[in-house]
Amino acid sequence: MSNEAIIKSVETGARLVFTSKEGDYFTVRYESPELSLSKRVWGYTDCELLVQLFEFMAANWKGWEGSEEWASIEGEFALSGTSDKLGHVKLALSFQEHEGPETWSASTSLRLESSIMEGVAKQVRSFFGG
């Protein structure tokens, strides 16, 4: 089990980081020169489905139709993956804070290449304890 899973954009300095796993909780961060987001997520039993999403994207490196999606039970983090036949993968990311006096939401995306998805899936599997 690794301490972090780091997914880097192939086009910019942006990256998605899964870190600080404790029990059913983990932290997800999006970092870029323009934007920085961090959210504590209750993964409960759904983290295995998130791992399977990344493994699906790696196995289907030639592309797939539509979008493949995952969202945390409480909706604080969601991820959607789409691809094209040229080997480009886009991760659409959504972060939300819907409790407390100051709620917020943010959306962004990360560009990947199908050639790196196997390594990404292995990192995510290792982080979530597989």
N, C-alpha and C. Protein backbone atom coordinates (compact mmCIF):
# COMPACT_ATOMS: atom_id res chain seq x y z
N MET A 1 0.85 -1.18 0.00
CA MET A 1 0.00 0.00 0.00
C MET A 1 0.89 1.23 0.00
N SER A 2 0.67 2.14 -0.95
CA SER A 2 1.50 3.34 -1.03
C SER A 2 0.82 4.51 -0.30
N ASN A 3 1.60 5.53 0.01
CA ASN A 3 1.10 6.70 0.73
C ASN A 3 0.33 7.66 -0.15
N GLU A 4 0.62 7.65 -1.45
CA GLU A 4 -0.03 8.56 -2.39
C GLU A 4 -0.17 7.91 -3.75
N ALA A 5 -1.14 8.40 -4.50
CA ALA A 5 -1.25 8.10 -5.93
C ALA A 5 -1.28 9.45 -6.62
N ILE A 6 -0.33 9.69 -7.51
CA ILE A 6 -0.20 10.98 -8.19
C ILE A 6 -0.45 10.78 -9.67
N ILE A 7 -1.42 11.51 -10.19
CA ILE A 7 -1.79 11.42 -11.60
C ILE A 7 -1.49 12.78 -12.23
N LYS A 8 -0.52 12.79 -13.16
CA LYS A 8 -0.06 14.04 -13.76
C LYS A 8 -0.65 14.26 -15.14
N SER A 9 -1.03 15.49 -15.42
CA SER A 9 -1.49 15.87 -16.75
C SER A 9 -0.35 15.72 -17.75
N VAL A 10 -0.70 15.32 -18.96
CA VAL A 10 0.32 15.24 -20.02
C VAL A 10 0.47 16.57 -20.74
N GLU A 11 -0.39 17.54 -20.44
CA GLU A 11 -0.36 18.82 -21.14
C GLU A 11 0.09 20.00 -20.30
N THR A 12 -0.11 19.93 -18.99
CA THR A 12 0.20 21.07 -18.12
C THR A 12 0.90 20.56 -16.86
N GLY A 13 1.12 21.44 -15.92
CA GLY A 13 1.70 21.06 -14.64
C GLY A 13 0.67 20.58 -13.64
N ALA A 14 -0.57 20.40 -14.06
CA ALA A 14 -1.65 19.98 -13.16
C ALA A 14 -1.48 18.53 -12.75
N ARG A 15 -2.00 18.22 -11.57
CA ARG A 15 -1.98 16.83 -11.10
C ARG A 15 -3.10 16.59 -10.11
N LEU A 16 -3.53 15.34 -10.05
CA LEU A 16 -4.53 14.87 -9.09
C LEU A 16 -3.80 13.95 -8.13
N VAL A 17 -4.00 14.16 -6.83
CA VAL A 17 -3.28 13.39 -5.82
C VAL A 17 -4.28 12.78 -4.84
N PHE A 18 -4.21 11.47 -4.67
CA PHE A 18 -4.93 10.78 -3.61
C PHE A 18 -3.93 10.57 -2.48
N THR A 19 -4.27 10.99 -1.26
CA THR A 19 -3.33 10.93 -0.16
C THR A 19 -4.06 10.78 1.18
N SER A 20 -3.31 10.60 2.24
CA SER A 20 -3.82 10.60 3.63
C SER A 20 -4.99 9.64 3.84
N LYS A 21 -4.82 8.39 3.45
CA LYS A 21 -5.88 7.40 3.67
C LYS A 21 -5.86 6.96 5.12
N GLU A 22 -7.02 7.09 5.76
CA GLU A 22 -7.21 6.67 7.15
C GLU A 22 -8.58 6.03 7.27
N GLY A 23 -8.59 4.72 7.43
CA GLY A 23 -9.86 4.01 7.49
C GLY A 23 -10.64 4.18 6.20
N ASP A 24 -11.88 4.65 6.31
CA ASP A 24 -12.73 4.85 5.15
C ASP A 24 -12.55 6.22 4.50
N TYR A 25 -11.64 7.03 5.01
CA TYR A 25 -11.45 8.40 4.51
C TYR A 25 -10.12 8.54 3.76
N PHE A 26 -10.11 9.45 2.80
CA PHE A 26 -8.88 9.83 2.12
C PHE A 26 -9.01 11.29 1.70
N THR A 27 -7.88 11.89 1.35
CA THR A 27 -7.88 13.26 0.85
C THR A 27 -7.56 13.22 -0.63
N VAL A 28 -8.27 14.02 -1.40
CA VAL A 28 -7.98 14.18 -2.81
C VAL A 28 -7.63 15.64 -3.05
N ARG A 29 -6.54 15.85 -3.80
CA ARG A 29 -6.09 17.21 -4.11
C ARG A 29 -5.95 17.37 -5.61
N TYR A 30 -6.30 18.56 -6.08
CA TYR A 30 -6.01 18.96 -7.45
C TYR A 30 -5.06 20.14 -7.34
N GLU A 31 -3.94 20.06 -8.04
CA GLU A 31 -2.94 21.12 -7.97
C GLU A 31 -2.55 21.53 -9.38
N SER A 32 -2.57 22.83 -9.63
CA SER A 32 -2.10 23.37 -10.91
C SER A 32 -1.56 24.77 -10.62
N PRO A 33 -0.86 25.37 -11.57
CA PRO A 33 -0.39 26.74 -11.36
C PRO A 33 -1.53 27.73 -11.12
N GLU A 34 -2.73 27.43 -11.61
CA GLU A 34 -3.85 28.35 -11.50
C GLU A 34 -4.82 28.05 -10.37
N LEU A 35 -4.85 26.81 -9.89
CA LEU A 35 -5.89 26.39 -8.96
C LEU A 35 -5.38 25.29 -8.04
N SER A 36 -5.78 25.36 -6.79
CA SER A 36 -5.45 24.31 -5.84
C SER A 36 -6.70 23.98 -5.03
N LEU A 37 -7.07 22.70 -5.01
CA LEU A 37 -8.25 22.23 -4.29
C LEU A 37 -7.86 21.03 -3.44
N SER A 38 -8.50 20.92 -2.29
CA SER A 38 -8.28 19.76 -1.44
C SER A 38 -9.60 19.42 -0.75
N LYS A 39 -9.92 18.14 -0.68
CA LYS A 39 -11.16 17.72 -0.05
C LYS A 39 -10.98 16.38 0.63
N ARG A 40 -11.43 16.30 1.86
CA ARG A 40 -11.47 15.04 2.60
C ARG A 40 -12.70 14.29 2.13
N VAL A 41 -12.53 13.01 1.78
CA VAL A 41 -13.61 12.23 1.16
C VAL A 41 -13.89 10.99 2.00
N TRP A 42 -15.17 10.71 2.21
CA TRP A 42 -15.58 9.47 2.83
C TRP A 42 -15.77 8.45 1.72
N GLY A 43 -14.83 7.52 1.61
CA GLY A 43 -14.87 6.52 0.55
C GLY A 43 -15.75 5.34 0.87
N TYR A 44 -15.95 5.07 2.17
CA TYR A 44 -16.72 3.93 2.65
C TYR A 44 -16.28 2.69 1.89
N THR A 45 -17.19 1.96 1.30
CA THR A 45 -16.81 0.75 0.55
C THR A 45 -16.67 1.02 -0.94
N ASP A 46 -16.87 2.26 -1.36
CA ASP A 46 -16.88 2.59 -2.78
C ASP A 46 -15.50 2.80 -3.39
N CYS A 47 -14.44 2.79 -2.60
CA CYS A 47 -13.10 2.99 -3.15
C CYS A 47 -12.72 1.89 -4.14
N GLU A 48 -13.21 0.69 -3.91
CA GLU A 48 -12.93 -0.40 -4.85
C GLU A 48 -13.52 -0.09 -6.23
N LEU A 49 -14.67 0.56 -6.26
CA LEU A 49 -15.28 0.95 -7.53
C LEU A 49 -14.45 2.03 -8.23
N LEU A 50 -13.83 2.91 -7.46
CA LEU A 50 -12.94 3.92 -8.03
C LEU A 50 -11.71 3.25 -8.65
N VAL A 51 -11.15 2.29 -7.94
CA VAL A 51 -10.02 1.52 -8.47
C VAL A 51 -10.43 0.83 -9.77
N GLN A 52 -11.60 0.21 -9.77
CA GLN A 52 -12.08 -0.49 -10.97
C GLN A 52 -12.29 0.46 -12.14
N LEU A 53 -12.67 1.70 -11.87
CA LEU A 53 -12.82 2.69 -12.93
C LEU A 53 -11.47 2.94 -13.61
N PHE A 54 -10.42 3.14 -12.82
CA PHE A 54 -9.09 3.36 -13.40
C PHE A 54 -8.60 2.11 -14.13
N GLU A 55 -8.89 0.93 -13.60
CA GLU A 55 -8.50 -0.30 -14.28
C GLU A 55 -9.26 -0.47 -15.60
N PHE A 56 -10.52 -0.06 -15.63
CA PHE A 56 -11.29 -0.09 -16.88
C PHE A 56 -10.64 0.82 -17.92
N MET A 57 -10.28 2.03 -17.51
CA MET A 57 -9.67 2.97 -18.45
C MET A 57 -8.33 2.44 -18.97
N ALA A 58 -7.58 1.76 -18.12
CA ALA A 58 -6.30 1.18 -18.55
C ALA A 58 -6.53 0.01 -19.52
N ALA A 59 -7.48 -0.84 -19.22
CA ALA A 59 -7.75 -2.01 -20.07
C ALA A 59 -8.33 -1.62 -21.43
N ASN A 60 -9.02 -0.49 -21.47
CA ASN A 60 -9.65 -0.03 -22.70
C ASN A 60 -8.86 1.12 -23.31
N TRP A 61 -7.57 0.91 -23.45
CA TRP A 61 -6.66 1.95 -23.90
C TRP A 61 -6.92 2.40 -25.33
N LYS A 62 -7.67 1.63 -26.09
CA LYS A 62 -8.03 2.04 -27.46
C LYS A 62 -9.23 2.98 -27.47
N GLY A 63 -9.78 3.25 -26.31
CA GLY A 63 -10.92 4.15 -26.21
C GLY A 63 -12.20 3.42 -25.86
N TRP A 64 -13.19 4.17 -25.42
CA TRP A 64 -14.49 3.62 -25.07
C TRP A 64 -15.55 4.67 -25.39
N GLU A 65 -16.77 4.21 -25.48
CA GLU A 65 -17.89 5.11 -25.78
C GLU A 65 -18.44 5.71 -24.49
N GLY A 66 -18.85 6.95 -24.56
CA GLY A 66 -19.49 7.61 -23.42
C GLY A 66 -18.51 7.92 -22.31
N SER A 67 -19.06 8.10 -21.12
CA SER A 67 -18.21 8.41 -19.97
C SER A 67 -18.36 7.33 -18.91
N GLU A 68 -17.27 7.11 -18.20
CA GLU A 68 -17.25 6.19 -17.06
C GLU A 68 -17.14 7.05 -15.82
N GLU A 69 -18.01 6.83 -14.83
CA GLU A 69 -18.12 7.77 -13.72
C GLU A 69 -18.02 7.10 -12.36
N TRP A 70 -17.55 7.89 -11.39
CA TRP A 70 -17.53 7.48 -9.99
C TRP A 70 -17.81 8.72 -9.15
N ALA A 71 -18.57 8.56 -8.08
CA ALA A 71 -18.82 9.65 -7.14
C ALA A 71 -18.83 9.09 -5.73
N SER A 72 -18.30 9.86 -4.80
CA SER A 72 -18.34 9.43 -3.40
C SER A 72 -19.78 9.45 -2.89
N ILE A 73 -20.04 8.70 -1.86
CA ILE A 73 -21.39 8.55 -1.32
C ILE A 73 -21.99 9.90 -0.95
N GLU A 74 -21.20 10.77 -0.34
CA GLU A 74 -21.71 12.07 0.10
C GLU A 74 -21.56 13.16 -0.97
N GLY A 75 -21.04 12.81 -2.13
CA GLY A 75 -20.97 13.75 -3.24
C GLY A 75 -19.89 14.80 -3.15
N GLU A 76 -18.93 14.64 -2.24
CA GLU A 76 -17.89 15.65 -2.10
C GLU A 76 -16.82 15.57 -3.19
N PHE A 77 -16.74 14.42 -3.88
CA PHE A 77 -15.80 14.27 -4.99
C PHE A 77 -16.40 13.34 -6.03
N ALA A 78 -16.27 13.74 -7.29
CA ALA A 78 -16.74 12.90 -8.40
C ALA A 78 -15.73 12.98 -9.54
N LEU A 79 -15.66 11.91 -10.29
CA LEU A 79 -14.71 11.80 -11.39
C LEU A 79 -15.42 11.15 -12.57
N SER A 80 -15.19 11.68 -13.75
CA SER A 80 -15.75 11.12 -14.97
C SER A 80 -14.65 11.01 -16.01
N GLY A 81 -14.51 9.85 -16.62
CA GLY A 81 -13.47 9.64 -17.62
C GLY A 81 -14.05 9.43 -19.00
N THR A 82 -13.52 10.17 -19.98
CA THR A 82 -13.90 9.99 -21.37
C THR A 82 -12.63 9.80 -22.20
N SER A 83 -12.80 9.23 -23.39
CA SER A 83 -11.64 9.01 -24.25
C SER A 83 -12.02 9.21 -25.71
N ASP A 84 -11.00 9.28 -26.54
CA ASP A 84 -11.23 9.30 -27.97
C ASP A 84 -10.38 8.19 -28.61
N LYS A 85 -10.54 8.00 -29.87
CA LYS A 85 -9.83 6.92 -30.57
C LYS A 85 -8.37 7.25 -30.82
N LEU A 86 -7.92 8.46 -30.45
CA LEU A 86 -6.53 8.87 -30.64
C LEU A 86 -5.67 8.64 -29.39
N GLY A 87 -6.27 8.06 -28.35
CA GLY A 87 -5.51 7.76 -27.14
C GLY A 87 -5.52 8.85 -26.09
N HIS A 88 -6.42 9.82 -26.23
CA HIS A 88 -6.53 10.88 -25.23
C HIS A 88 -7.58 10.51 -24.19
N VAL A 89 -7.28 10.76 -22.93
CA VAL A 89 -8.21 10.50 -21.84
C VAL A 89 -8.42 11.81 -21.10
N LYS A 90 -9.67 12.15 -20.84
CA LYS A 90 -9.98 13.35 -20.07
C LYS A 90 -10.68 12.94 -18.79
N LEU A 91 -10.14 13.38 -17.66
CA LEU A 91 -10.79 13.18 -16.38
C LEU A 91 -11.47 14.49 -15.99
N ALA A 92 -12.78 14.48 -15.89
CA ALA A 92 -13.54 15.62 -15.39
C ALA A 92 -13.69 15.43 -13.89
N LEU A 93 -13.30 16.44 -13.12
CA LEU A 93 -13.26 16.35 -11.67
C LEU A 93 -14.23 17.35 -11.05
N SER A 94 -14.94 16.93 -10.03
CA SER A 94 -15.89 17.79 -9.33
C SER A 94 -15.66 17.67 -7.83
N PHE A 95 -15.53 18.81 -7.18
CA PHE A 95 -15.33 18.88 -5.73
C PHE A 95 -16.46 19.70 -5.13
N GLN A 96 -16.97 19.29 -3.96
CA GLN A 96 -18.05 20.03 -3.30
C GLN A 96 -17.89 20.02 -1.79
N GLU A 97 -18.20 21.14 -1.19
CA GLU A 97 -18.36 21.23 0.26
C GLU A 97 -19.79 21.68 0.48
N HIS A 98 -20.64 20.80 0.98
CA HIS A 98 -22.05 21.14 1.11
C HIS A 98 -22.52 21.20 2.56
N GLU A 99 -21.57 21.22 3.49
CA GLU A 99 -21.91 21.37 4.90
C GLU A 99 -21.22 22.60 5.45
N GLY A 100 -21.75 23.12 6.53
CA GLY A 100 -21.14 24.28 7.17
C GLY A 100 -21.66 25.59 6.62
N PRO A 101 -21.16 26.69 7.16
CA PRO A 101 -21.68 28.01 6.79
C PRO A 101 -21.24 28.50 5.41
N GLU A 102 -20.14 27.97 4.88
CA GLU A 102 -19.64 28.42 3.58
C GLU A 102 -19.47 27.23 2.64
N THR A 103 -20.50 26.96 1.90
CA THR A 103 -20.45 25.85 0.95
C THR A 103 -19.77 26.32 -0.34
N TRP A 104 -19.22 25.37 -1.07
CA TRP A 104 -18.54 25.71 -2.32
C TRP A 104 -18.54 24.49 -3.24
N SER A 105 -18.28 24.75 -4.50
CA SER A 105 -18.09 23.68 -5.46
C SER A 105 -17.11 24.16 -6.52
N ALA A 106 -16.41 23.22 -7.12
CA ALA A 106 -15.45 23.54 -8.18
C ALA A 106 -15.35 22.35 -9.12
N SER A 107 -15.14 22.66 -10.38
CA SER A 107 -14.96 21.63 -11.40
C SER A 107 -13.73 21.96 -12.22
N THR A 108 -13.02 20.93 -12.62
CA THR A 108 -11.85 21.10 -13.47
C THR A 108 -11.62 19.80 -14.22
N SER A 109 -10.57 19.73 -15.00
CA SER A 109 -10.29 18.49 -15.72
C SER A 109 -8.79 18.28 -15.82
N LEU A 110 -8.44 17.07 -16.18
CA LEU A 110 -7.05 16.66 -16.30
C LEU A 110 -6.93 15.85 -17.59
N ARG A 111 -5.93 16.14 -18.40
CA ARG A 111 -5.70 15.43 -19.66
C ARG A 111 -4.62 14.38 -19.49
N LEU A 112 -4.92 13.17 -19.92
CA LEU A 112 -3.99 12.05 -19.84
C LEU A 112 -3.87 11.40 -21.21
N GLU A 113 -2.95 10.48 -21.34
CA GLU A 113 -2.80 9.66 -22.54
C GLU A 113 -3.05 8.21 -22.15
N SER A 114 -3.62 7.45 -23.06
CA SER A 114 -3.92 6.05 -22.76
C SER A 114 -2.66 5.26 -22.42
N SER A 115 -1.52 5.69 -22.93
CA SER A 115 -0.26 4.97 -22.68
C SER A 115 0.17 4.98 -21.22
N ILE A 116 -0.32 5.91 -20.42
CA ILE A 116 0.07 5.97 -19.01
C ILE A 116 -0.98 5.37 -18.08
N MET A 117 -2.13 4.97 -18.62
CA MET A 117 -3.25 4.55 -17.77
C MET A 117 -2.97 3.28 -16.99
N GLU A 118 -2.18 2.37 -17.51
CA GLU A 118 -1.85 1.15 -16.75
C GLU A 118 -1.08 1.51 -15.49
N GLY A 119 -0.10 2.39 -15.61
CA GLY A 119 0.66 2.84 -14.44
C GLY A 119 -0.21 3.61 -13.46
N VAL A 120 -1.12 4.42 -13.97
CA VAL A 120 -2.05 5.17 -13.12
C VAL A 120 -2.93 4.20 -12.34
N ALA A 121 -3.49 3.21 -13.02
CA ALA A 121 -4.36 2.23 -12.37
C ALA A 121 -3.61 1.46 -11.28
N LYS A 122 -2.36 1.11 -11.53
CA LYS A 122 -1.55 0.41 -10.52
C LYS A 122 -1.31 1.29 -9.30
N GLN A 123 -1.03 2.58 -9.52
CA GLN A 123 -0.84 3.50 -8.40
C GLN A 123 -2.10 3.62 -7.56
N VAL A 124 -3.24 3.77 -8.23
CA VAL A 124 -4.52 3.92 -7.52
C VAL A 124 -4.83 2.64 -6.75
N ARG A 125 -4.62 1.48 -7.36
CA ARG A 125 -4.84 0.19 -6.68
C ARG A 125 -3.95 0.09 -5.45
N SER A 126 -2.68 0.45 -5.58
CA SER A 126 -1.74 0.37 -4.47
C SER A 126 -2.13 1.32 -3.34
N PHE A 127 -2.57 2.53 -3.69
CA PHE A 127 -2.97 3.50 -2.67
C PHE A 127 -4.17 3.01 -1.87
N PHE A 128 -5.17 2.47 -2.56
CA PHE A 128 -6.38 2.05 -1.88
C PHE A 128 -6.27 0.63 -1.29
N GLY A 129 -5.08 0.06 -1.34
CA GLY A 129 -4.83 -1.17 -0.60
C GLY A 129 -5.01 -2.46 -1.35
N GLY A 130 -4.94 -2.42 -2.66
CA GLY A 130 -5.17 -3.62 -3.43
C GLY A 130 -3.96 -4.43 -3.71
